[in-house]
């Protein structure tokens, strides 16, 4: 059976940390002016840079991984 992965929406640094510490396999977020999540919290350049530094490194997924 395939492993279920958790993809979590995050709109702030606090939400990002909660998702990572809760075991999310991946997150998605909006970047100010470049996303479809205009009603949600969005990251600016500085907060996105911090988010990337915070997230643990991961292995790239291959298209045949599922």
C-alpha atoms as a PDB file:
ATOM      1  CA  UNK A   1       0.000   0.000   0.000  1.00  0.00           C
ATOM      2  CA  UNK A   2       1.269   3.478  -0.854  1.00  0.00           C
ATOM      3  CA  UNK A   3       2.243   5.744   2.011  1.00  0.00           C
ATOM      4  CA  UNK A   4      -0.171   8.626   2.584  1.00  0.00           C
ATOM      5  CA  UNK A   5       1.514  12.031   2.584  1.00  0.00           C
ATOM      6  CA  UNK A   6       0.329  15.095   4.459  1.00  0.00           C
ATOM      7  CA  UNK A   7       0.289  18.365   2.486  1.00  0.00           C
ATOM      8  CA  UNK A   8      -0.523  21.362   4.688  1.00  0.00           C
ATOM      9  CA  UNK A   9      -1.457  24.924   3.713  1.00  0.00           C
ATOM     10  CA  UNK A  10       0.476  27.566   5.647  1.00  0.00           C
ATOM     11  CA  UNK A  11      -0.130  31.304   5.718  1.00  0.00           C
ATOM     12  CA  UNK A  12       2.318  32.398   8.383  1.00  0.00           C
ATOM     13  CA  UNK A  13       5.545  31.402  10.085  1.00  0.00           C
ATOM     14  CA  UNK A  14       3.537  30.118  13.055  1.00  0.00           C
ATOM     15  CA  UNK A  15       1.443  27.886  10.787  1.00  0.00           C
ATOM     16  CA  UNK A  16       4.587  26.657   9.023  1.00  0.00           C
ATOM     17  CA  UNK A  17       6.222  25.654  12.287  1.00  0.00           C
ATOM     18  CA  UNK A  18       3.041  23.915  13.453  1.00  0.00           C
ATOM     19  CA  UNK A  19       2.815  21.942  10.197  1.00  0.00           C
ATOM     20  CA  UNK A  20       6.474  20.868  10.293  1.00  0.00           C
ATOM     21  CA  UNK A  21       6.418  19.960  13.991  1.00  0.00           C
ATOM     22  CA  UNK A  22       3.164  18.018  13.440  1.00  0.00           C
ATOM     23  CA  UNK A  23       4.784  15.850  10.784  1.00  0.00           C
ATOM     24  CA  UNK A  24       3.608  17.350   7.489  1.00  0.00           C
ATOM     25  CA  UNK A  25       5.466  15.867   4.535  1.00  0.00           C
ATOM     26  CA  UNK A  26       5.059  19.060   2.500  1.00  0.00           C
ATOM     27  CA  UNK A  27       3.537  22.527   2.769  1.00  0.00           C
ATOM     28  CA  UNK A  28       2.195  25.027   0.302  1.00  0.00           C
ATOM     29  CA  UNK A  29       2.083  28.766   0.737  1.00  0.00           C
ATOM     30  CA  UNK A  30       1.399  31.983  -1.070  1.00  0.00           C
ATOM     31  CA  UNK A  31       3.900  34.652  -2.002  1.00  0.00           C
ATOM     32  CA  UNK A  32       2.607  38.231  -2.042  1.00  0.00           C
ATOM     33  CA  UNK A  33       1.363  39.024  -5.539  1.00  0.00           C
ATOM     34  CA  UNK A  34       2.168  35.590  -7.033  1.00  0.00           C
ATOM     35  CA  UNK A  35      -0.522  33.164  -5.949  1.00  0.00           C
ATOM     36  CA  UNK A  36      -4.156  32.173  -6.065  1.00  0.00           C
ATOM     37  CA  UNK A  37      -4.478  32.374  -2.282  1.00  0.00           C
ATOM     38  CA  UNK A  38      -5.090  36.138  -2.127  1.00  0.00           C
ATOM     39  CA  UNK A  39      -7.512  35.796   0.787  1.00  0.00           C
ATOM     40  CA  UNK A  40      -5.025  33.813   2.855  1.00  0.00           C
ATOM     41  CA  UNK A  41      -1.956  34.999   4.687  1.00  0.00           C
ATOM     42  CA  UNK A  42       0.980  35.322   2.347  1.00  0.00           C
ATOM     43  CA  UNK A  43       4.729  35.392   2.735  1.00  0.00           C
ATOM     44  CA  UNK A  44       6.853  38.322   1.647  1.00  0.00           C
ATOM     45  CA  UNK A  45      10.455  37.951   0.432  1.00  0.00           C
ATOM     46  CA  UNK A  46      11.971  38.087   3.931  1.00  0.00           C
ATOM     47  CA  UNK A  47       9.517  35.677   5.551  1.00  0.00           C
ATOM     48  CA  UNK A  48       9.810  33.257   2.623  1.00  0.00           C
ATOM     49  CA  UNK A  49      13.585  33.242   2.989  1.00  0.00           C
ATOM     50  CA  UNK A  50      13.209  32.445   6.703  1.00  0.00           C
ATOM     51  CA  UNK A  51      10.687  29.698   5.908  1.00  0.00           C
ATOM     52  CA  UNK A  52      13.101  28.044   3.484  1.00  0.00           C
ATOM     53  CA  UNK A  53      15.879  28.159   6.094  1.00  0.00           C
ATOM     54  CA  UNK A  54      13.587  26.672   8.735  1.00  0.00           C
ATOM     55  CA  UNK A  55      12.246  23.730   6.730  1.00  0.00           C
ATOM     56  CA  UNK A  56      14.217  20.519   6.957  1.00  0.00           C
ATOM     57  CA  UNK A  57      15.982  19.342   3.808  1.00  0.00           C
ATOM     58  CA  UNK A  58      14.172  16.740   1.776  1.00  0.00           C
ATOM     59  CA  UNK A  59      14.830  14.397  -1.090  1.00  0.00           C
ATOM     60  CA  UNK A  60      13.391  15.276  -4.481  1.00  0.00           C
ATOM     61  CA  UNK A  61      10.525  13.008  -5.451  1.00  0.00           C
ATOM     62  CA  UNK A  62      10.699  11.112  -8.672  1.00  0.00           C
ATOM     63  CA  UNK A  63       7.583  11.009 -10.881  1.00  0.00           C
ATOM     64  CA  UNK A  64       7.427   7.246 -10.387  1.00  0.00           C
ATOM     65  CA  UNK A  65       7.542   7.461  -6.556  1.00  0.00           C
ATOM     66  CA  UNK A  66       3.774   6.997  -6.159  1.00  0.00           C
END
